[in-house]
C-alpha atoms as a PDB file:
ATOM      1  CA  UNK A   1      22.907  89.445 160.440  1.00  0.00           C
ATOM      2  CA  UNK A   2      25.383  86.671 159.789  1.00  0.00           C
ATOM      3  CA  UNK A   3      25.672  83.972 162.578  1.00  0.00           C
ATOM      4  CA  UNK A   4      29.138  83.890 164.456  1.00  0.00           C
ATOM      5  CA  UNK A   5      30.392  80.790 165.999  1.00  0.00           C
ATOM      6  CA  UNK A   6      31.542  81.299 169.733  1.00  0.00           C
ATOM      7  CA  UNK A   7      34.780  79.189 170.690  1.00  0.00           C
ATOM      8  CA  UNK A   8      34.913  76.938 173.589  1.00  0.00           C
ATOM      9  CA  UNK A   9      35.572  79.664 176.217  1.00  0.00           C
ATOM     10  CA  UNK A  10      32.735  81.735 175.110  1.00  0.00           C
ATOM     11  CA  UNK A  11      30.423  78.831 174.636  1.00  0.00           C
ATOM     12  CA  UNK A  12      30.294  78.198 177.936  1.00  0.00           C
ATOM     13  CA  UNK A  13      28.439  81.341 178.754  1.00  0.00           C
ATOM     14  CA  UNK A  14      26.310  81.820 175.288  1.00  0.00           C
ATOM     15  CA  UNK A  15      26.223  78.216 174.163  1.00  0.00           C
ATOM     16  CA  UNK A  16      27.902  76.511 171.174  1.00  0.00           C
ATOM     17  CA  UNK A  17      25.555  76.949 168.408  1.00  0.00           C
ATOM     18  CA  UNK A  18      26.329  79.674 165.521  1.00  0.00           C
ATOM     19  CA  UNK A  19      24.239  82.690 166.318  1.00  0.00           C
ATOM     20  CA  UNK A  20      23.785  86.373 165.165  1.00  0.00           C
ATOM     21  CA  UNK A  21      26.180  88.728 167.048  1.00  0.00           C
ATOM     22  CA  UNK A  22      23.486  90.802 168.279  1.00  0.00           C
ATOM     23  CA  UNK A  23      21.963  87.623 170.232  1.00  0.00           C
ATOM     24  CA  UNK A  24      25.275  86.826 171.359  1.00  0.00           C
ATOM     25  CA  UNK A  25      25.602  90.269 173.055  1.00  0.00           C
ATOM     26  CA  UNK A  26      21.960  89.590 174.744  1.00  0.00           C
ATOM     27  CA  UNK A  27      23.106  86.368 175.828  1.00  0.00           C
ATOM     28  CA  UNK A  28      26.276  87.640 177.583  1.00  0.00           C
ATOM     29  CA  UNK A  29      24.546  90.547 178.955  1.00  0.00           C
ATOM     30  CA  UNK A  30      21.736  88.277 180.415  1.00  0.00           C
ATOM     31  CA  UNK A  31      24.610  86.156 181.841  1.00  0.00           C
ATOM     32  CA  UNK A  32      26.404  89.180 183.628  1.00  0.00           C
ATOM     33  CA  UNK A  33      23.206  90.533 185.163  1.00  0.00           C
ATOM     34  CA  UNK A  34      22.049  87.215 186.550  1.00  0.00           C
ATOM     35  CA  UNK A  35      25.206  86.634 188.078  1.00  0.00           C
ATOM     36  CA  UNK A  36      25.680  90.303 189.405  1.00  0.00           C
ATOM     37  CA  UNK A  37      28.826  90.681 187.487  1.00  0.00           C
ATOM     38  CA  UNK A  38      28.343  94.417 186.712  1.00  0.00           C
ATOM     39  CA  UNK A  39      30.304  96.593 189.565  1.00  0.00           C
ATOM     40  CA  UNK A  40      27.926  97.927 191.862  1.00  0.00           C
ATOM     41  CA  UNK A  41      29.654 101.642 192.012  1.00  0.00           C
ATOM     42  CA  UNK A  42      31.659 101.782 188.681  1.00  0.00           C
ATOM     43  CA  UNK A  43      28.449 100.438 186.278  1.00  0.00           C
ATOM     44  CA  UNK A  44      30.836 100.365 183.273  1.00  0.00           C
ATOM     45  CA  UNK A  45      32.967  97.759 184.953  1.00  0.00           C
ATOM     46  CA  UNK A  46      32.317  94.123 184.818  1.00  0.00           C
ATOM     47  CA  UNK A  47      33.931  91.843 187.443  1.00  0.00           C
ATOM     48  CA  UNK A  48      34.697  88.582 186.190  1.00  0.00           C
ATOM     49  CA  UNK A  49      33.345  85.261 187.620  1.00  0.00           C
ATOM     50  CA  UNK A  50      35.125  81.713 186.928  1.00  0.00           C
ATOM     51  CA  UNK A  51      33.236  81.132 183.454  1.00  0.00           C
ATOM     52  CA  UNK A  52      33.928  84.764 182.441  1.00  0.00           C
ATOM     53  CA  UNK A  53      37.556  84.903 183.261  1.00  0.00           C
ATOM     54  CA  UNK A  54      38.736  82.870 180.320  1.00  0.00           C
ATOM     55  CA  UNK A  55      36.908  85.152 177.975  1.00  0.00           C
ATOM     56  CA  UNK A  56      38.292  88.410 179.455  1.00  0.00           C
ATOM     57  CA  UNK A  57      41.923  87.027 179.219  1.00  0.00           C
ATOM     58  CA  UNK A  58      42.162  86.139 182.860  1.00  0.00           C
ATOM     59  CA  UNK A  59      41.455  89.838 184.221  1.00  0.00           C
ATOM     60  CA  UNK A  60      39.286  90.510 187.484  1.00  0.00           C
ATOM     61  CA  UNK A  61      37.683  93.287 185.951  1.00  0.00           C
ATOM     62  CA  UNK A  62      37.270  94.936 182.587  1.00  0.00           C
ATOM     63  CA  UNK A  63      35.310  97.790 181.344  1.00  0.00           C
ATOM     64  CA  UNK A  64      32.171  97.058 179.111  1.00  0.00           C
ATOM     65  CA  UNK A  65      33.915  98.767 175.998  1.00  0.00           C
ATOM     66  CA  UNK A  66      37.038  96.438 176.562  1.00  0.00           C
ATOM     67  CA  UNK A  67      34.567  93.400 176.909  1.00  0.00           C
ATOM     68  CA  UNK A  68      33.202  93.731 173.479  1.00  0.00           C
ATOM     69  CA  UNK A  69      36.958  93.948 171.865  1.00  0.00           C
ATOM     70  CA  UNK A  70      37.794  90.757 174.071  1.00  0.00           C
ATOM     71  CA  UNK A  71      34.531  88.758 173.039  1.00  0.00           C
ATOM     72  CA  UNK A  72      35.558  89.323 169.465  1.00  0.00           C
ATOM     73  CA  UNK A  73      38.749  87.378 169.953  1.00  0.00           C
ATOM     74  CA  UNK A  74      36.588  84.437 170.989  1.00  0.00           C
ATOM     75  CA  UNK A  75      34.840  84.211 167.605  1.00  0.00           C
ATOM     76  CA  UNK A  76      35.746  81.241 165.339  1.00  0.00           C
ATOM     77  CA  UNK A  77      36.895  82.903 161.888  1.00  0.00           C
END
C-alpha cells in the first residue's frame, strides 16, 4: 500500500513518518488499547484522551466507524 503522511495531531499518536494506512490503523488501535480508551460497556465507542481529542474534533467519545472517517481528515494530501 502507498504510504500516507499523518498531520501533526495524528503524528502525536502514530509517529511522523509516512506509513501504509494498514500500519497507521494498527498503531492507532495499539494506542487505544494500551490506554484503555475503548468503552467498557459499548465496545464500539472510543473515549478520547488529551492526545486523541484533536484527532476526533474535540469530541469526548466517537464510534469506531466515525473514527475511521475522522482519522482520514488528518492525512496530508
